[in-house]
Amino acid sequence: MKRFNMIDEEFICENCGKKVPPLEYSARDHCPFCLYSKHVDINPGDRENDCKGLMEPIGIEKYKDTYKIIYKCTKCRRTHKNIAARDDDYNKIIEISKM
């Protein structure tokens, strides 16, 4: 079972350079502007992954009443999924869903 360490902090996106605010209702795990993430966790919020590569959004899948963003690490090539946040750029989600 995955352990969850709640870390919700602002950061500068390494892909688009924008300042990303905390999510405030859950842990922020990707940029809401370009949807990129960073490969930092083994279990949510643990920051124990040595890879530290950028996670490129490569697809979208329906999940309950929202969506999951499918990522592929640009460094180690592993895939991972994150739930879309309420403030994500839905035009980007639509764009990625057409890939």
Protein backbone atom coordinates (compact mmCIF):
# COMPACT_ATOMS: atom_id res chain seq x y z
CA MET A 1 0.00 0.00 0.00
CA LYS A 2 1.29 3.45 -0.91
CA ARG A 3 2.06 5.85 1.92
CA PHE A 4 1.03 9.47 1.41
CA ASN A 5 3.11 12.33 2.79
CA MET A 6 1.18 15.57 2.32
CA ILE A 7 3.46 18.16 0.72
CA ASP A 8 1.64 21.10 -0.84
CA GLU A 9 4.12 23.83 -1.58
CA GLU A 10 4.73 26.38 -4.30
CA PHE A 11 7.47 25.78 -6.85
CA ILE A 12 8.85 27.07 -10.13
CA CYS A 13 8.00 24.72 -13.00
CA GLU A 14 11.21 23.45 -14.60
CA ASN A 15 9.42 23.09 -17.96
CA CYS A 16 7.58 26.41 -18.45
CA GLY A 17 9.22 28.54 -15.73
CA LYS A 18 5.95 29.71 -14.17
CA LYS A 19 5.45 30.07 -10.42
CA VAL A 20 3.05 27.34 -9.28
CA PRO A 21 1.00 28.05 -6.13
CA PRO A 22 0.04 25.43 -3.53
CA LEU A 23 -3.11 23.47 -4.40
CA GLU A 24 -4.64 23.95 -0.92
CA TYR A 25 -7.02 20.96 -1.02
CA SER A 26 -4.45 18.22 -1.71
CA ALA A 27 -0.77 17.94 -2.56
CA ARG A 28 0.35 19.77 -5.69
CA ASP A 29 2.14 17.26 -7.94
CA HIS A 30 2.30 18.97 -11.34
CA CYS A 31 2.20 22.36 -13.05
CA PRO A 32 -1.37 23.54 -13.80
CA PHE A 33 -0.12 25.60 -16.77
CA CYS A 34 1.87 23.10 -18.87
CA LEU A 35 0.89 19.94 -16.88
CA TYR A 36 4.52 18.76 -16.52
CA SER A 37 5.57 17.06 -13.31
CA LYS A 38 8.90 16.03 -11.82
CA HIS A 39 9.99 12.48 -10.98
CA VAL A 40 10.75 13.06 -7.29
CA ASP A 41 8.63 10.53 -5.36
CA ILE A 42 8.62 6.78 -4.91
CA ASN A 43 5.54 6.98 -2.66
CA PRO A 44 3.43 10.17 -2.83
CA GLY A 45 5.24 13.04 -1.12
CA ASP A 46 8.32 11.13 0.04
CA ARG A 47 10.80 12.95 -2.29
CA GLU A 48 12.99 9.79 -2.28
CA ASN A 49 13.32 9.16 -6.02
CA ASP A 50 16.85 9.81 -7.27
CA CYS A 51 15.75 10.25 -10.91
CA LYS A 52 14.55 13.88 -10.71
CA GLY A 53 13.67 13.86 -14.43
CA LEU A 54 10.84 15.89 -15.94
CA MET A 55 7.60 13.96 -16.36
CA GLU A 56 6.07 14.78 -19.75
CA PRO A 57 2.27 14.54 -20.04
CA ILE A 58 1.64 12.02 -22.83
CA GLY A 59 -2.01 11.08 -22.41
CA ILE A 60 -5.27 11.48 -20.51
CA GLU A 61 -7.66 8.88 -19.15
CA LYS A 62 -11.10 9.25 -17.59
CA TYR A 63 -11.09 8.61 -13.82
CA LYS A 64 -14.36 8.74 -11.84
CA ASP A 65 -15.68 12.31 -12.32
CA THR A 66 -12.31 13.74 -13.40
CA TYR A 67 -9.21 12.74 -15.38
CA LYS A 68 -5.78 11.27 -14.81
CA ILE A 69 -2.77 12.65 -16.61
CA ILE A 70 -0.42 9.96 -17.93
CA TYR A 71 3.25 10.88 -17.67
CA LYS A 72 6.47 9.52 -19.10
CA CYS A 73 9.76 10.50 -17.50
CA THR A 74 12.11 12.17 -19.97
CA LYS A 75 15.11 10.74 -18.09
CA CYS A 76 14.33 7.15 -17.01
CA ARG A 77 11.27 6.62 -19.32
CA ARG A 78 9.00 5.25 -16.54
CA THR A 79 5.30 6.06 -16.73
CA HIS A 80 3.11 7.37 -13.93
CA LYS A 81 -0.42 8.79 -13.51
CA ASN A 82 -1.62 11.79 -11.49
CA ILE A 83 -5.17 13.00 -10.94
CA ALA A 84 -5.91 16.30 -12.70
CA ALA A 85 -6.25 19.30 -10.40
CA ARG A 86 -9.23 21.65 -10.44
CA ASP A 87 -7.08 24.54 -11.67
CA ASP A 88 -5.34 22.65 -14.50
CA ASP A 89 -5.44 24.25 -17.94
CA TYR A 90 -8.23 22.20 -19.53
CA ASN A 91 -7.21 23.36 -22.98
CA LYS A 92 -3.91 21.53 -22.33
CA ILE A 93 -5.83 18.46 -21.15
CA ILE A 94 -7.84 18.47 -24.38
CA GLU A 95 -4.67 18.97 -26.43
CA ILE A 96 -2.93 16.04 -24.70
CA SER A 97 -6.00 13.82 -25.05
CA LYS A 98 -5.68 14.14 -28.85
CA MET A 99 -2.09 12.82 -28.87
